[in-house]
Each structure stands twice: as C-alpha cells, then as structure tokens.
Amino acid sequence: MTVTCQRAGTAVGDEFRFDVVTVGGLEGELCVVIDAVIP
C-alpha cells in the first residue's frame, strides 16, 4: 500500500489529504480535518 500526503496543515480546521493506493491497484482518498490541536 502506498500513501501519499497531498496536503498537510497544522492549525485547527486545516486538512490532511492522503492518496491511498493499495496493492490491488485500488485508489482512494483519505481526508482528515483537524478539529483540535493537542500540544
């Protein structure tokens, strides 16, 4: 599986966007939005 980070933020409300490509050739996108920053 290959995971590529397309966008990475560090502030609340920023978005992490990952492209996920599995061994079988399936491709998906994983988006995570930061709702809290814990130091």
PDB file of N, CA and C in Angstrom:
ATOM      1  N   MET A   1       0.845  -1.187   0.000  1.00  0.00           N
ATOM      2  CA  MET A   1       0.000   0.000   0.000  1.00  0.00           C
ATOM      3  C   MET A   1       0.885   1.243   0.000  1.00  0.00           C
ATOM      4  N   THR A   2       0.510   2.192  -0.820  1.00  0.00           N
ATOM      5  CA  THR A   2       1.259   3.441  -0.890  1.00  0.00           C
ATOM      6  C   THR A   2       0.367   4.582  -0.429  1.00  0.00           C
ATOM      7  N   VAL A   3       0.846   5.375   0.512  1.00  0.00           N
ATOM      8  CA  VAL A   3       0.083   6.529   0.991  1.00  0.00           C
ATOM      9  C   VAL A   3       0.891   7.783   0.706  1.00  0.00           C
ATOM     10  N   THR A   4       0.293   8.703  -0.037  1.00  0.00           N
ATOM     11  CA  THR A   4       0.964   9.948  -0.379  1.00  0.00           C
ATOM     12  C   THR A   4       0.219  11.108   0.253  1.00  0.00           C
ATOM     13  N   CYS A   5       0.934  11.916   0.992  1.00  0.00           N
ATOM     14  CA  CYS A   5       0.302  13.069   1.628  1.00  0.00           C
ATOM     15  C   CYS A   5       0.272  14.222   0.632  1.00  0.00           C
ATOM     16  N   GLN A   6      -0.925  14.648   0.254  1.00  0.00           N
ATOM     17  CA  GLN A   6      -1.068  15.730  -0.709  1.00  0.00           C
ATOM     18  C   GLN A   6      -1.079  17.091  -0.033  1.00  0.00           C
ATOM     19  N   ARG A   7      -1.673  17.138   1.132  1.00  0.00           N
ATOM     20  CA  ARG A   7      -1.804  18.422   1.819  1.00  0.00           C
ATOM     21  C   ARG A   7      -1.749  18.157   3.311  1.00  0.00           C
ATOM     22  N   ALA A   8      -0.922  18.911   4.019  1.00  0.00           N
ATOM     23  CA  ALA A   8      -0.827  18.721   5.462  1.00  0.00           C
ATOM     24  C   ALA A   8      -0.846  20.076   6.151  1.00  0.00           C
ATOM     25  N   GLY A   9      -1.795  20.257   7.048  1.00  0.00           N
ATOM     26  CA  GLY A   9      -1.890  21.505   7.792  1.00  0.00           C
ATOM     27  C   GLY A   9      -1.585  21.253   9.256  1.00  0.00           C
ATOM     28  N   THR A  10      -1.402  22.326   9.986  1.00  0.00           N
ATOM     29  CA  THR A  10      -1.070  22.187  11.401  1.00  0.00           C
ATOM     30  C   THR A  10      -2.031  22.956  12.295  1.00  0.00           C
ATOM     31  N   ALA A  11      -2.962  23.696  11.717  1.00  0.00           N
ATOM     32  CA  ALA A  11      -3.874  24.512  12.515  1.00  0.00           C
ATOM     33  C   ALA A  11      -5.256  23.877  12.553  1.00  0.00           C
ATOM     34  N   VAL A  12      -6.056  24.309  13.519  1.00  0.00           N
ATOM     35  CA  VAL A  12      -7.425  23.814  13.634  1.00  0.00           C
ATOM     36  C   VAL A  12      -8.189  24.173  12.362  1.00  0.00           C
ATOM     37  N   GLY A  13      -8.890  23.210  11.810  1.00  0.00           N
ATOM     38  CA  GLY A  13      -9.651  23.441  10.590  1.00  0.00           C
ATOM     39  C   GLY A  13      -8.854  23.137   9.335  1.00  0.00           C
ATOM     40  N   ASP A  14      -7.551  22.930   9.473  1.00  0.00           N
ATOM     41  CA  ASP A  14      -6.739  22.556   8.323  1.00  0.00           C
ATOM     42  C   ASP A  14      -7.026  21.111   7.943  1.00  0.00           C
ATOM     43  N   GLU A  15      -6.640  20.761   6.758  1.00  0.00           N
ATOM     44  CA  GLU A  15      -6.987  19.456   6.233  1.00  0.00           C
ATOM     45  C   GLU A  15      -5.739  18.673   5.872  1.00  0.00           C
ATOM     46  N   PHE A  16      -5.726  17.422   6.270  1.00  0.00           N
ATOM     47  CA  PHE A  16      -4.737  16.476   5.768  1.00  0.00           C
ATOM     48  C   PHE A  16      -5.417  15.697   4.655  1.00  0.00           C
ATOM     49  N   ARG A  17      -4.808  15.630   3.494  1.00  0.00           N
ATOM     50  CA  ARG A  17      -5.391  14.855   2.401  1.00  0.00           C
ATOM     51  C   ARG A  17      -4.368  13.822   1.951  1.00  0.00           C
ATOM     52  N   PHE A  18      -4.788  12.572   1.944  1.00  0.00           N
ATOM     53  CA  PHE A  18      -3.893  11.480   1.574  1.00  0.00           C
ATOM     54  C   PHE A  18      -4.454  10.725   0.379  1.00  0.00           C
ATOM     55  N   ASP A  19      -3.592  10.380  -0.550  1.00  0.00           N
ATOM     56  CA  ASP A  19      -3.941   9.459  -1.624  1.00  0.00           C
ATOM     57  C   ASP A  19      -3.488   8.074  -1.200  1.00  0.00           C
ATOM     58  N   VAL A  20      -4.385   7.115  -1.256  1.00  0.00           N
ATOM     59  CA  VAL A  20      -4.055   5.755  -0.844  1.00  0.00           C
ATOM     60  C   VAL A  20      -4.170   4.834  -2.055  1.00  0.00           C
ATOM     61  N   VAL A  21      -3.088   4.136  -2.366  1.00  0.00           N
ATOM     62  CA  VAL A  21      -3.092   3.169  -3.464  1.00  0.00           C
ATOM     63  C   VAL A  21      -2.749   1.801  -2.883  1.00  0.00           C
ATOM     64  N   THR A  22      -3.664   0.850  -3.038  1.00  0.00           N
ATOM     65  CA  THR A  22      -3.437  -0.483  -2.486  1.00  0.00           C
ATOM     66  C   THR A  22      -2.684  -1.352  -3.478  1.00  0.00           C
ATOM     67  N   VAL A  23      -2.275  -2.512  -3.009  1.00  0.00           N
ATOM     68  CA  VAL A  23      -1.512  -3.442  -3.836  1.00  0.00           C
ATOM     69  C   VAL A  23      -2.329  -3.883  -5.046  1.00  0.00           C
ATOM     70  N   GLY A  24      -3.647  -3.999  -4.880  1.00  0.00           N
ATOM     71  CA  GLY A  24      -4.504  -4.444  -5.973  1.00  0.00           C
ATOM     72  C   GLY A  24      -4.757  -3.375  -7.017  1.00  0.00           C
ATOM     73  N   GLY A  25      -4.213  -2.179  -6.803  1.00  0.00           N
ATOM     74  CA  GLY A  25      -4.390  -1.124  -7.778  1.00  0.00           C
ATOM     75  C   GLY A  25      -5.574  -0.219  -7.483  1.00  0.00           C
ATOM     76  N   LEU A  26      -6.258  -0.499  -6.369  1.00  0.00           N
ATOM     77  CA  LEU A  26      -7.378   0.366  -5.996  1.00  0.00           C
ATOM     78  C   LEU A  26      -6.834   1.668  -5.425  1.00  0.00           C
ATOM     79  N   GLU A  27      -7.493   2.760  -5.784  1.00  0.00           N
ATOM     80  CA  GLU A  27      -7.028   4.056  -5.310  1.00  0.00           C
ATOM     81  C   GLU A  27      -8.144   4.760  -4.561  1.00  0.00           C
ATOM     82  N   GLY A  28      -7.793   5.363  -3.463  1.00  0.00           N
ATOM     83  CA  GLY A  28      -8.785   6.091  -2.687  1.00  0.00           C
ATOM     84  C   GLY A  28      -8.172   7.355  -2.127  1.00  0.00           C
ATOM     85  N   GLU A  29      -9.025   8.156  -1.533  1.00  0.00           N
ATOM     86  CA  GLU A  29      -8.548   9.395  -0.941  1.00  0.00           C
ATOM     87  C   GLU A  29      -9.034   9.471   0.493  1.00  0.00           C
ATOM     88  N   LEU A  30      -8.132   9.835   1.375  1.00  0.00           N
ATOM     89  CA  LEU A  30      -8.467   9.949   2.787  1.00  0.00           C
ATOM     90  C   LEU A  30      -8.267  11.397   3.210  1.00  0.00           C
ATOM     91  N   CYS A  31      -9.325  12.016   3.700  1.00  0.00           N
ATOM     92  CA  CYS A  31      -9.241  13.407   4.148  1.00  0.00           C
ATOM     93  C   CYS A  31      -9.488  13.472   5.647  1.00  0.00           C
ATOM     94  N   VAL A  32      -8.616  14.158   6.340  1.00  0.00           N
ATOM     95  CA  VAL A  32      -8.763  14.337   7.776  1.00  0.00           C
ATOM     96  C   VAL A  32      -8.715  15.831   8.067  1.00  0.00           C
ATOM     97  N   VAL A  33      -9.731  16.327   8.755  1.00  0.00           N
ATOM     98  CA  VAL A  33      -9.762  17.740   9.128  1.00  0.00           C
ATOM     99  C   VAL A  33      -9.466  17.858  10.616  1.00  0.00           C
ATOM    100  N   ILE A  34      -8.542  18.728  10.957  1.00  0.00           N
ATOM    101  CA  ILE A  34      -8.146  18.903  12.355  1.00  0.00           C
ATOM    102  C   ILE A  34      -9.228  19.681  13.095  1.00  0.00           C
ATOM    103  N   ASP A  35      -9.743  19.100  14.172  1.00  0.00           N
ATOM    104  CA  ASP A  35     -10.745  19.816  14.957  1.00  0.00           C
ATOM    105  C   ASP A  35     -10.198  20.235  16.322  1.00  0.00           C
ATOM    106  N   ALA A  36      -9.014  19.758  16.669  1.00  0.00           N
ATOM    107  CA  ALA A  36      -8.381  20.181  17.913  1.00  0.00           C
ATOM    108  C   ALA A  36      -6.882  19.944  17.800  1.00  0.00           C
ATOM    109  N   VAL A  37      -6.114  20.827  18.378  1.00  0.00           N
ATOM    110  CA  VAL A  37      -4.664  20.659  18.390  1.00  0.00           C
ATOM    111  C   VAL A  37      -4.237  20.408  19.829  1.00  0.00           C
ATOM    112  N   ILE A  38      -3.666  19.232  20.059  1.00  0.00           N
ATOM    113  CA  ILE A  38      -3.217  18.868  21.403  1.00  0.00           C
ATOM    114  C   ILE A  38      -1.692  18.921  21.415  1.00  0.00           C
ATOM    115  N   PRO A  39      -1.132  19.872  22.134  1.00  0.00           N
ATOM    116  CA  PRO A  39       0.336  20.022  22.127  1.00  0.00           C
ATOM    117  C   PRO A  39       1.034  18.849  22.799  1.00  0.00           C
TER     118      PRO A  39
END
